[in-house]
Amino acid sequence: MLPFFKRKNKGQVTKTGLDSSVSSEDLLDITENSYNEEVETSLSFHPGWNLSKEQEYVFRFLNNDLTPLKPNQISLAGVELEREGNTLQVTAFVRNSLSKSIKLGEVELLLLDNEKNTMAQKQFDLSLLDKIPARSSRPWMFTFEKETIVSDLNLEENGWSIAFNVSSLQPHRLDLAESWKENISEDIKTKLVNIVNSVPKPKPKEFNIMGISAKFLENGDLNTTVLLRNGNHKGISIQQLPLEVVDANNELVVRGAFKLEDFEVKANTSKPWSFIFPKEMIQKESPDFSKWSVRPILNK
C-alpha cells in the first residue's frame, strides 16, 4: 500500500517533491530526432497493480499537474516522502518522453534535500517497473532502508527530490592532476587509462586504493604509485592519508602517514599518485613485490 493511501482524507494528497531529469542518451544510449516540442506524459499503471477508482483518481490528478518534459528525457517526479520505521518511502512518477517504450535496468538513485544534499542513495532494479510506454508517467514507490540513509532529512520541508545518479551512469575515468599532465609521457597516460578501464569500477559509495608499482630508490626509500579510486557521486577531499604496504606474503613492509594539500579525487574517477616512504620507516628487508597491496590504516 502506498503511504499516502493510508490517510483517511485522500484530498490532502499533494506533491511535495521536485522533478529531476536525465537525457535518454545518458541513461539508455537512445536519442530521437526532435523539434524541441514539449512532451505531455499520460498516466500508465504497472500491469500488476490493482487500484481502486479513488486511488486511480488521485494519481490522475497528480499526473495532470506535472510539468511537460523535453524530448529525449527520462524523469523522476517526487510526489511524497514518508518515514516508515527506519526506512524512507518515496512515491514518485517515472516518466518517459521518448516516442517508444523503455525498460530500465539497475540504476543508483539519490534522495536529495531542498539544498541538493544527499540524504540517501541506493541501487534499484528498475526493470521491476516493466515496460514504460511511450510518453507516459508510471507511479512507483522506492524504499530507502536504514543502511542506505546518509543523513537525516526534515520531512516537513518541501523541495526534496529523487534523482538518477548521473555520475554512476558514466564510465569510471582517469583523473590526472595538473602536475602529472605536465610531467608524464603520452605512453604512461595511455597505460594509466588502460588500467582504469580494465578493472571493475568501484561500487557506489566505495573508495579504495589500488597499487600500481612499488620500487626502492637508490637512497633506500620506497616509491609506491597507486590509484585512488572514488565510486561516490561527489568528490572526496583528502588532507591526511595513513597508509601501509604489505607484500606477496601479506607481511607488513612499511607504514606511514602523508599530508596532502588541496587534494581531491573527483566523483567516479581514479587519480594516480605517488607516495614515498623514507628508508627509516621500512620494516621488512627484501620484500616480495610480485604481488603487493597498499591500504589505508584504519583507526581502531
C-alpha atoms as a PDB file:
ATOM      1  CA  MET A   1       0.000   0.000   0.000  1.00  0.00           C
ATOM      2  CA  LEU A   2       1.357   3.411  -0.989  1.00  0.00           C
ATOM      3  CA  PRO A   3       1.930   5.622   2.079  1.00  0.00           C
ATOM      4  CA  PHE A   4      -0.487   8.413   1.252  1.00  0.00           C
ATOM      5  CA  PHE A   5      -3.341   5.970   0.630  1.00  0.00           C
ATOM      6  CA  LYS A   6      -3.223   5.133   4.341  1.00  0.00           C
ATOM      7  CA  ARG A   7      -4.678   8.544   5.088  1.00  0.00           C
ATOM      8  CA  LYS A   8      -8.344   8.932   5.752  1.00  0.00           C
ATOM      9  CA  ASN A   9      -8.649  12.095   3.686  1.00  0.00           C
ATOM     10  CA  LYS A  10      -7.281  11.452   0.230  1.00  0.00           C
ATOM     11  CA  GLY A  11      -7.908  15.096  -0.642  1.00  0.00           C
ATOM     12  CA  GLN A  12      -4.845  16.021   1.401  1.00  0.00           C
ATOM     13  CA  VAL A  13      -2.503  14.379  -1.117  1.00  0.00           C
ATOM     14  CA  THR A  14      -0.153  16.997  -2.553  1.00  0.00           C
ATOM     15  CA  LYS A  15       3.092  16.807  -4.492  1.00  0.00           C
ATOM     16  CA  THR A  16       5.903  17.915  -2.159  1.00  0.00           C
ATOM     17  CA  GLY A  17       8.911  16.802  -4.232  1.00  0.00           C
ATOM     18  CA  LEU A  18      10.632  18.378  -7.210  1.00  0.00           C
ATOM     19  CA  ASP A  19      11.282  16.848 -10.623  1.00  0.00           C
ATOM     20  CA  SER A  20      14.678  15.720 -11.881  1.00  0.00           C
ATOM     21  CA  SER A  21      15.565  14.592 -15.387  1.00  0.00           C
ATOM     22  CA  VAL A  22      18.401  12.991 -17.318  1.00  0.00           C
ATOM     23  CA  SER A  23      18.838  12.602 -21.040  1.00  0.00           C
ATOM     24  CA  SER A  24      17.764   9.313 -22.567  1.00  0.00           C
ATOM     25  CA  GLU A  25      21.208   9.155 -24.168  1.00  0.00           C
ATOM     26  CA  ASP A  26      22.936   9.160 -20.777  1.00  0.00           C
ATOM     27  CA  LEU A  27      20.579   6.598 -19.279  1.00  0.00           C
ATOM     28  CA  LEU A  28      19.726   4.335 -22.225  1.00  0.00           C
ATOM     29  CA  ASP A  29      22.009   5.434 -25.079  1.00  0.00           C
ATOM     30  CA  ILE A  30      18.892   6.419 -27.043  1.00  0.00           C
ATOM     31  CA  THR A  31      18.350   9.722 -28.852  1.00  0.00           C
ATOM     32  CA  GLU A  32      15.463  10.645 -31.135  1.00  0.00           C
ATOM     33  CA  ASN A  33      15.168  13.464 -33.628  1.00  0.00           C
ATOM     34  CA  SER A  34      13.040  16.198 -32.125  1.00  0.00           C
ATOM     35  CA  TYR A  35      11.754  19.693 -32.738  1.00  0.00           C
ATOM     36  CA  ASN A  36      12.083  20.825 -29.132  1.00  0.00           C
ATOM     37  CA  GLU A  37       8.371  20.498 -28.537  1.00  0.00           C
ATOM     38  CA  GLU A  38       7.123  19.912 -25.005  1.00  0.00           C
ATOM     39  CA  VAL A  39       6.010  16.366 -24.217  1.00  0.00           C
ATOM     40  CA  GLU A  40       2.906  15.684 -22.139  1.00  0.00           C
ATOM     41  CA  THR A  41       3.026  12.268 -20.444  1.00  0.00           C
ATOM     42  CA  SER A  42      -0.086  10.160 -19.977  1.00  0.00           C
ATOM     43  CA  LEU A  43      -0.614   8.084 -16.859  1.00  0.00           C
ATOM     44  CA  SER A  44       0.409   4.408 -17.033  1.00  0.00           C
ATOM     45  CA  PHE A  45      -0.023   1.870 -14.254  1.00  0.00           C
ATOM     46  CA  HIS A  46       2.080  -1.234 -13.765  1.00  0.00           C
ATOM     47  CA  PRO A  47       0.106  -4.227 -15.121  1.00  0.00           C
ATOM     48  CA  GLY A  48       0.349  -5.908 -11.724  1.00  0.00           C
ATOM     49  CA  TRP A  49      -1.211  -3.022  -9.798  1.00  0.00           C
ATOM     50  CA  ASN A  50      -4.846  -3.303  -8.758  1.00  0.00           C
ATOM     51  CA  LEU A  51      -6.051   0.126  -7.658  1.00  0.00           C
ATOM     52  CA  SER A  52      -9.448   1.369  -6.655  1.00  0.00           C
ATOM     53  CA  LYS A  53     -11.176   4.080  -8.703  1.00  0.00           C
ATOM     54  CA  GLU A  54     -10.407   6.560  -5.930  1.00  0.00           C
ATOM     55  CA  GLN A  55      -6.699   5.680  -5.980  1.00  0.00           C
ATOM     56  CA  GLU A  56      -6.585   5.960  -9.757  1.00  0.00           C
ATOM     57  CA  TYR A  57      -8.237   9.371  -9.498  1.00  0.00           C
ATOM     58  CA  VAL A  58      -5.551  10.609  -7.094  1.00  0.00           C
ATOM     59  CA  PHE A  59      -2.779   9.557  -9.474  1.00  0.00           C
ATOM     60  CA  ARG A  60      -4.545  11.107 -12.459  1.00  0.00           C
ATOM     61  CA  PHE A  61      -4.945  14.347 -10.556  1.00  0.00           C
ATOM     62  CA  LEU A  62      -1.233  14.382  -9.667  1.00  0.00           C
ATOM     63  CA  ASN A  63      -0.136  13.384 -13.174  1.00  0.00           C
ATOM     64  CA  ASN A  64      -2.210  16.115 -14.811  1.00  0.00           C
ATOM     65  CA  ASP A  65      -0.337  18.671 -12.720  1.00  0.00           C
ATOM     66  CA  LEU A  66       3.138  17.538 -13.823  1.00  0.00           C
ATOM     67  CA  THR A  67       5.306  19.850 -15.883  1.00  0.00           C
ATOM     68  CA  PRO A  68       5.736  18.739 -19.527  1.00  0.00           C
ATOM     69  CA  LEU A  69       9.060  17.129 -20.396  1.00  0.00           C
ATOM     70  CA  LYS A  70      11.515  17.997 -23.121  1.00  0.00           C
ATOM     71  CA  PRO A  71      12.261  15.467 -25.863  1.00  0.00           C
ATOM     72  CA  ASN A  72      14.736  12.696 -25.008  1.00  0.00           C
ATOM     73  CA  GLN A  73      14.241  12.874 -21.261  1.00  0.00           C
ATOM     74  CA  ILE A  74      13.734  10.295 -18.533  1.00  0.00           C
ATOM     75  CA  SER A  75      12.431  11.963 -15.396  1.00  0.00           C
ATOM     76  CA  LEU A  76      11.649  11.273 -11.757  1.00  0.00           C
ATOM     77  CA  ALA A  77       8.874  13.403 -10.280  1.00  0.00           C
ATOM     78  CA  GLY A  78       8.780  13.220  -6.494  1.00  0.00           C
ATOM     79  CA  VAL A  79       5.276  13.036  -5.027  1.00  0.00           C
ATOM     80  CA  GLU A  80       5.517  12.199  -1.338  1.00  0.00           C
ATOM     81  CA  LEU A  81       8.131  11.225   1.196  1.00  0.00           C
ATOM     82  CA  GLU A  82       7.199   9.297   4.335  1.00  0.00           C
ATOM     83  CA  ARG A  83       9.132   7.696   7.163  1.00  0.00           C
ATOM     84  CA  GLU A  84       8.159   4.096   7.915  1.00  0.00           C
ATOM     85  CA  GLY A  85      10.099   2.907  10.952  1.00  0.00           C
ATOM     86  CA  ASN A  86      13.780   3.031   9.959  1.00  0.00           C
ATOM     87  CA  THR A  87      13.047   3.414   6.247  1.00  0.00           C
ATOM     88  CA  LEU A  88      12.145   6.287   3.958  1.00  0.00           C
ATOM     89  CA  GLN A  89       9.333   5.599   1.488  1.00  0.00           C
ATOM     90  CA  VAL A  90       9.337   7.714  -1.662  1.00  0.00           C
ATOM     91  CA  THR A  91       6.412   7.821  -4.067  1.00  0.00           C
ATOM     92  CA  ALA A  92       7.341   9.217  -7.462  1.00  0.00           C
ATOM     93  CA  PHE A  93       6.462   9.122 -11.144  1.00  0.00           C
ATOM     94  CA  VAL A  94       8.981   7.587 -13.531  1.00  0.00           C
ATOM     95  CA  ARG A  95       8.445   9.474 -16.781  1.00  0.00           C
ATOM     96  CA  ASN A  96       9.437   8.765 -20.382  1.00  0.00           C
ATOM     97  CA  SER A  97       9.314  11.463 -23.084  1.00  0.00           C
ATOM     98  CA  LEU A  98      10.512   9.148 -25.866  1.00  0.00           C
ATOM     99  CA  SER A  99       8.130   8.050 -28.624  1.00  0.00           C
ATOM    100  CA  LYS A 100       8.907   4.415 -27.801  1.00  0.00           C
ATOM    101  CA  SER A 101       8.512   2.265 -24.716  1.00  0.00           C
ATOM    102  CA  ILE A 102      11.543   1.741 -22.498  1.00  0.00           C
ATOM    103  CA  LYS A 103      12.682  -0.785 -19.941  1.00  0.00           C
ATOM    104  CA  LEU A 104      15.178   0.370 -17.353  1.00  0.00           C
ATOM    105  CA  GLY A 105      17.752  -1.721 -15.505  1.00  0.00           C
ATOM    106  CA  GLU A 106      19.786  -1.293 -12.336  1.00  0.00           C
ATOM    107  CA  VAL A 107      20.423   2.349 -11.526  1.00  0.00           C
ATOM    108  CA  GLU A 108      21.598   4.174  -8.430  1.00  0.00           C
ATOM    109  CA  LEU A 109      19.100   6.752  -7.186  1.00  0.00           C
ATOM    110  CA  LEU A 110      19.767   9.657  -4.843  1.00  0.00           C
ATOM    111  CA  LEU A 111      17.372  11.199  -2.360  1.00  0.00           C
ATOM    112  CA  LEU A 112      18.226  14.901  -2.108  1.00  0.00           C
ATOM    113  CA  ASP A 113      17.030  17.584   0.275  1.00  0.00           C
ATOM    114  CA  ASN A 114      15.936  21.056  -0.828  1.00  0.00           C
ATOM    115  CA  GLU A 115      19.575  22.180  -0.962  1.00  0.00           C
ATOM    116  CA  LYS A 116      20.601  19.178  -3.114  1.00  0.00           C
ATOM    117  CA  ASN A 117      22.471  17.473  -0.287  1.00  0.00           C
ATOM    118  CA  THR A 118      22.379  13.675  -0.450  1.00  0.00           C
ATOM    119  CA  MET A 119      20.128  12.183   2.209  1.00  0.00           C
ATOM    120  CA  ALA A 120      20.113   8.600   0.892  1.00  0.00           C
ATOM    121  CA  GLN A 121      21.449   6.613  -2.036  1.00  0.00           C
ATOM    122  CA  LYS A 122      20.676   3.122  -3.214  1.00  0.00           C
ATOM    123  CA  GLN A 123      20.912   0.851  -6.235  1.00  0.00           C
ATOM    124  CA  PHE A 124      17.435  -0.030  -7.571  1.00  0.00           C
ATOM    125  CA  ASP A 125      16.387  -2.641 -10.117  1.00  0.00           C
ATOM    126  CA  LEU A 126      14.049  -0.544 -12.263  1.00  0.00           C
ATOM    127  CA  SER A 127      13.254  -3.488 -14.522  1.00  0.00           C
ATOM    128  CA  LEU A 128      10.584  -4.228 -11.880  1.00  0.00           C
ATOM    129  CA  LEU A 129       8.577  -1.347 -13.330  1.00  0.00           C
ATOM    130  CA  ASP A 130       8.117  -3.402 -16.522  1.00  0.00           C
ATOM    131  CA  LYS A 131       7.990  -1.564 -19.861  1.00  0.00           C
ATOM    132  CA  ILE A 132       7.158   2.101 -19.510  1.00  0.00           C
ATOM    133  CA  PRO A 133       5.105   3.102 -22.562  1.00  0.00           C
ATOM    134  CA  ALA A 134       5.977   5.964 -24.877  1.00  0.00           C
ATOM    135  CA  ARG A 135       5.318   9.429 -23.484  1.00  0.00           C
ATOM    136  CA  SER A 136       3.986   8.176 -20.196  1.00  0.00           C
ATOM    137  CA  SER A 137       4.348   8.512 -16.418  1.00  0.00           C
ATOM    138  CA  ARG A 138       4.372   5.447 -14.182  1.00  0.00           C
ATOM    139  CA  PRO A 139       3.915   5.822 -10.402  1.00  0.00           C
ATOM    140  CA  TRP A 140       6.212   3.750  -8.200  1.00  0.00           C
ATOM    141  CA  MET A 141       7.381   3.508  -4.622  1.00  0.00           C
ATOM    142  CA  PHE A 142      11.068   3.472  -3.685  1.00  0.00           C
ATOM    143  CA  THR A 143      12.226   2.261  -0.271  1.00  0.00           C
ATOM    144  CA  PHE A 144      15.477   3.515   1.232  1.00  0.00           C
ATOM    145  CA  GLU A 145      16.473   1.250   4.121  1.00  0.00           C
ATOM    146  CA  LYS A 146      18.356   2.483   7.187  1.00  0.00           C
ATOM    147  CA  GLU A 147      21.767   1.438   5.828  1.00  0.00           C
ATOM    148  CA  THR A 148      21.232   3.497   2.641  1.00  0.00           C
ATOM    149  CA  ILE A 149      20.373   6.705   4.524  1.00  0.00           C
ATOM    150  CA  VAL A 150      23.368   9.036   4.588  1.00  0.00           C
ATOM    151  CA  SER A 151      21.943  11.926   6.595  1.00  0.00           C
ATOM    152  CA  ASP A 152      18.731  12.865   8.349  1.00  0.00           C
ATOM    153  CA  LEU A 153      16.018  14.583   6.352  1.00  0.00           C
ATOM    154  CA  ASN A 154      13.474  17.107   7.538  1.00  0.00           C
ATOM    155  CA  LEU A 155      10.257  15.598   6.228  1.00  0.00           C
ATOM    156  CA  GLU A 156       8.386  18.827   6.878  1.00  0.00           C
ATOM    157  CA  GLU A 157      10.313  20.646   4.149  1.00  0.00           C
ATOM    158  CA  ASN A 158       9.162  20.669   0.552  1.00  0.00           C
ATOM    159  CA  GLY A 159      11.566  20.796  -2.371  1.00  0.00           C
ATOM    160  CA  TRP A 160      13.231  17.409  -1.890  1.00  0.00           C
ATOM    161  CA  SER A 161      13.847  15.268  -4.963  1.00  0.00           C
ATOM    162  CA  ILE A 162      14.715  11.773  -6.081  1.00  0.00           C
ATOM    163  CA  ALA A 163      17.254  11.714  -8.882  1.00  0.00           C
ATOM    164  CA  PHE A 164      19.334   9.439 -11.062  1.00  0.00           C
ATOM    165  CA  ASN A 165      22.987   9.390 -10.026  1.00  0.00           C
ATOM    166  CA  VAL A 166      24.325  10.634 -13.341  1.00  0.00           C
ATOM    167  CA  SER A 167      27.962  10.040 -12.382  1.00  0.00           C
ATOM    168  CA  SER A 168      27.216   6.336 -11.821  1.00  0.00           C
ATOM    169  CA  LEU A 169      25.843   6.103 -15.366  1.00  0.00           C
ATOM    170  CA  GLN A 170      29.078   7.321 -16.883  1.00  0.00           C
ATOM    171  CA  PRO A 171      32.216   5.226 -17.322  1.00  0.00           C
ATOM    172  CA  HIS A 172      34.722   5.393 -14.493  1.00  0.00           C
ATOM    173  CA  ARG A 173      37.564   7.538 -15.792  1.00  0.00           C
ATOM    174  CA  LEU A 174      41.122   8.621 -15.136  1.00  0.00           C
ATOM    175  CA  ASP A 175      41.691  11.997 -13.493  1.00  0.00           C
ATOM    176  CA  LEU A 176      45.207  13.407 -13.699  1.00  0.00           C
ATOM    177  CA  ALA A 177      46.471  16.220 -11.505  1.00  0.00           C
ATOM    178  CA  GLU A 178      47.977  19.128 -13.444  1.00  0.00           C
ATOM    179  CA  SER A 179      51.459  18.199 -12.232  1.00  0.00           C
ATOM    180  CA  TRP A 180      51.011  14.727 -13.710  1.00  0.00           C
ATOM    181  CA  LYS A 181      49.662  16.027 -17.009  1.00  0.00           C
ATOM    182  CA  GLU A 182      52.767  18.174 -17.382  1.00  0.00           C
ATOM    183  CA  ASN A 183      55.365  15.616 -16.353  1.00  0.00           C
ATOM    184  CA  ILE A 184      54.382  12.190 -17.692  1.00  0.00           C
ATOM    185  CA  SER A 185      54.584  10.926 -21.245  1.00  0.00           C
ATOM    186  CA  GLU A 186      51.651  10.089 -23.501  1.00  0.00           C
ATOM    187  CA  ASP A 187      52.694   6.452 -23.272  1.00  0.00           C
ATOM    188  CA  ILE A 188      52.300   6.457 -19.485  1.00  0.00           C
ATOM    189  CA  LYS A 189      48.974   8.296 -19.783  1.00  0.00           C
ATOM    190  CA  THR A 190      47.740   5.593 -22.157  1.00  0.00           C
ATOM    191  CA  LYS A 191      48.863   2.849 -19.784  1.00  0.00           C
ATOM    192  CA  LEU A 192      47.033   4.505 -16.891  1.00  0.00           C
ATOM    193  CA  VAL A 193      43.843   4.839 -18.955  1.00  0.00           C
ATOM    194  CA  ASN A 194      44.078   1.164 -19.883  1.00  0.00           C
ATOM    195  CA  ILE A 195      44.494   0.170 -16.228  1.00  0.00           C
ATOM    196  CA  VAL A 196      41.443   2.205 -15.175  1.00  0.00           C
ATOM    197  CA  ASN A 197      39.346   0.737 -17.989  1.00  0.00           C
ATOM    198  CA  SER A 198      40.456  -2.855 -17.424  1.00  0.00           C
ATOM    199  CA  VAL A 199      39.489  -3.262 -13.752  1.00  0.00           C
ATOM    200  CA  PRO A 200      35.946  -3.235 -12.320  1.00  0.00           C
ATOM    201  CA  LYS A 201      34.955   0.255 -11.277  1.00  0.00           C
ATOM    202  CA  PRO A 202      34.341   0.928  -7.578  1.00  0.00           C
ATOM    203  CA  LYS A 203      30.877   0.272  -6.236  1.00  0.00           C
ATOM    204  CA  PRO A 204      28.650   3.239  -5.369  1.00  0.00           C
ATOM    205  CA  LYS A 205      29.898   4.970  -2.184  1.00  0.00           C
ATOM    206  CA  GLU A 206      33.135   2.918  -2.324  1.00  0.00           C
ATOM    207  CA  PHE A 207      36.592   4.444  -2.035  1.00  0.00           C
ATOM    208  CA  ASN A 208      39.629   2.200  -2.369  1.00  0.00           C
ATOM    209  CA  ILE A 209      43.311   2.247  -3.211  1.00  0.00           C
ATOM    210  CA  MET A 210      44.940   0.098  -5.868  1.00  0.00           C
ATOM    211  CA  GLY A 211      48.701  -0.314  -6.083  1.00  0.00           C
ATOM    212  CA  ILE A 212      50.361   0.140  -9.485  1.00  0.00           C
ATOM    213  CA  SER A 213      54.087  -0.011  -8.788  1.00  0.00           C
ATOM    214  CA  ALA A 214      56.443  -0.343  -5.822  1.00  0.00           C
ATOM    215  CA  LYS A 215      60.213   0.007  -6.096  1.00  0.00           C
ATOM    216  CA  PHE A 216      63.153   1.021  -3.957  1.00  0.00           C
ATOM    217  CA  LEU A 217      65.043   4.148  -4.908  1.00  0.00           C
ATOM    218  CA  GLU A 218      68.848   4.379  -4.848  1.00  0.00           C
ATOM    219  CA  ASN A 219      68.741   6.080  -1.431  1.00  0.00           C
ATOM    220  CA  GLY A 220      66.699   3.206   0.043  1.00  0.00           C
ATOM    221  CA  ASP A 221      63.330   4.983   0.090  1.00  0.00           C
ATOM    222  CA  LEU A 222      60.302   3.040  -1.145  1.00  0.00           C
ATOM    223  CA  ASN A 223      58.414   4.707  -4.001  1.00  0.00           C
ATOM    224  CA  THR A 224      54.833   3.494  -4.454  1.00  0.00           C
ATOM    225  CA  THR A 225      52.427   4.616  -7.158  1.00  0.00           C
ATOM    226  CA  VAL A 226      48.744   3.975  -6.549  1.00  0.00           C
ATOM    227  CA  LEU A 227      45.303   4.718  -7.931  1.00  0.00           C
ATOM    228  CA  LEU A 228      42.944   6.457  -5.512  1.00  0.00           C
ATOM    229  CA  ARG A 229      39.539   5.209  -6.696  1.00  0.00           C
ATOM    230  CA  ASN A 230      36.336   7.083  -5.885  1.00  0.00           C
ATOM    231  CA  GLY A 231      32.974   5.458  -6.642  1.00  0.00           C
ATOM    232  CA  ASN A 232      30.970   8.220  -4.953  1.00  0.00           C
ATOM    233  CA  HIS A 233      28.840  10.727  -6.855  1.00  0.00           C
ATOM    234  CA  LYS A 234      30.718  13.556  -5.140  1.00  0.00           C
ATOM    235  CA  GLY A 235      34.387  14.396  -4.993  1.00  0.00           C
ATOM    236  CA  ILE A 236      36.374  13.408  -1.910  1.00  0.00           C
ATOM    237  CA  SER A 237      38.883  15.797  -0.342  1.00  0.00           C
ATOM    238  CA  ILE A 238      41.837  14.217   1.459  1.00  0.00           C
ATOM    239  CA  GLN A 239      44.052  16.112   3.887  1.00  0.00           C
ATOM    240  CA  GLN A 240      45.869  13.248   5.568  1.00  0.00           C
ATOM    241  CA  LEU A 241      46.246   9.644   4.479  1.00  0.00           C
ATOM    242  CA  PRO A 242      47.893   6.979   6.691  1.00  0.00           C
ATOM    243  CA  LEU A 243      48.996   4.013   4.580  1.00  0.00           C
ATOM    244  CA  GLU A 244      50.599   0.623   4.969  1.00  0.00           C
ATOM    245  CA  VAL A 245      52.172  -1.654   2.366  1.00  0.00           C
ATOM    246  CA  VAL A 246      52.125  -5.445   2.537  1.00  0.00           C
ATOM    247  CA  ASP A 247      53.981  -7.797   0.214  1.00  0.00           C
ATOM    248  CA  ALA A 248      53.092 -11.079  -1.521  1.00  0.00           C
ATOM    249  CA  ASN A 249      53.382 -12.916   1.801  1.00  0.00           C
ATOM    250  CA  ASN A 250      50.928 -10.478   3.386  1.00  0.00           C
ATOM    251  CA  GLU A 251      53.735  -9.224   5.618  1.00  0.00           C
ATOM    252  CA  LEU A 252      53.996  -5.592   6.601  1.00  0.00           C
ATOM    253  CA  VAL A 253      56.662  -3.706   4.661  1.00  0.00           C
ATOM    254  CA  VAL A 254      56.096  -0.135   5.797  1.00  0.00           C
ATOM    255  CA  ARG A 255      53.658   2.232   7.446  1.00  0.00           C
ATOM    256  CA  GLY A 256      53.452   5.993   7.161  1.00  0.00           C
ATOM    257  CA  ALA A 257      51.118   9.000   7.113  1.00  0.00           C
ATOM    258  CA  PHE A 258      51.020  11.607   4.359  1.00  0.00           C
ATOM    259  CA  LYS A 259      49.696  15.156   4.439  1.00  0.00           C
ATOM    260  CA  LEU A 260      48.050  16.398   1.264  1.00  0.00           C
ATOM    261  CA  GLU A 261      47.115  19.944   0.287  1.00  0.00           C
ATOM    262  CA  ASP A 262      44.145  20.893  -1.907  1.00  0.00           C
ATOM    263  CA  PHE A 263      43.850  17.251  -2.865  1.00  0.00           C
ATOM    264  CA  GLU A 264      40.579  15.966  -4.298  1.00  0.00           C
ATOM    265  CA  VAL A 265      39.580  12.741  -6.002  1.00  0.00           C
ATOM    266  CA  LYS A 266      36.704  13.717  -8.269  1.00  0.00           C
ATOM    267  CA  ALA A 267      33.431  11.815  -8.434  1.00  0.00           C
ATOM    268  CA  ASN A 268      33.582   8.496 -10.289  1.00  0.00           C
ATOM    269  CA  THR A 269      37.307   8.784 -11.086  1.00  0.00           C
ATOM    270  CA  SER A 270      40.643   7.181 -10.313  1.00  0.00           C
ATOM    271  CA  LYS A 271      43.533   9.500  -9.512  1.00  0.00           C
ATOM    272  CA  PRO A 272      47.139   8.264  -9.665  1.00  0.00           C
ATOM    273  CA  TRP A 273      49.549   9.492  -7.022  1.00  0.00           C
ATOM    274  CA  SER A 274      52.976   8.546  -5.694  1.00  0.00           C
ATOM    275  CA  PHE A 275      53.824   8.117  -2.016  1.00  0.00           C
ATOM    276  CA  ILE A 276      57.458   7.807  -0.942  1.00  0.00           C
ATOM    277  CA  PHE A 277      58.231   6.074   2.352  1.00  0.00           C
ATOM    278  CA  PRO A 278      61.620   7.023   3.871  1.00  0.00           C
ATOM    279  CA  LYS A 279      64.022   4.107   4.321  1.00  0.00           C
ATOM    280  CA  GLU A 280      63.989   4.622   8.082  1.00  0.00           C
ATOM    281  CA  MET A 281      60.351   3.502   8.135  1.00  0.00           C
ATOM    282  CA  ILE A 282      60.900   0.234   6.230  1.00  0.00           C
ATOM    283  CA  GLN A 283      60.077  -2.721   8.487  1.00  0.00           C
ATOM    284  CA  LYS A 284      60.959  -5.623   6.182  1.00  0.00           C
ATOM    285  CA  GLU A 285      64.082  -6.137   4.152  1.00  0.00           C
ATOM    286  CA  SER A 286      63.839  -7.651   0.677  1.00  0.00           C
ATOM    287  CA  PRO A 287      60.018  -7.770   0.439  1.00  0.00           C
ATOM    288  CA  ASP A 288      58.383  -9.803  -2.317  1.00  0.00           C
ATOM    289  CA  PHE A 289      56.643  -7.314  -4.584  1.00  0.00           C
ATOM    290  CA  SER A 290      55.499  -9.929  -7.108  1.00  0.00           C
ATOM    291  CA  LYS A 291      52.113  -9.286  -5.520  1.00  0.00           C
ATOM    292  CA  TRP A 292      51.543  -6.458  -3.101  1.00  0.00           C
ATOM    293  CA  SER A 293      48.906  -4.062  -1.843  1.00  0.00           C
ATOM    294  CA  VAL A 294      48.618  -0.707  -0.195  1.00  0.00           C
ATOM    295  CA  ARG A 295      45.771   0.158   2.119  1.00  0.00           C
ATOM    296  CA  PRO A 296      44.681   2.936   4.445  1.00  0.00           C
ATOM    297  CA  ILE A 297      45.358   2.451   8.140  1.00  0.00           C
ATOM    298  CA  LEU A 298      42.016   2.480   9.909  1.00  0.00           C
ATOM    299  CA  ASN A 299      41.634   3.878  13.388  1.00  0.00           C
ATOM    300  CA  LYS A 300      40.976   1.081  15.847  1.00  0.00           C
END
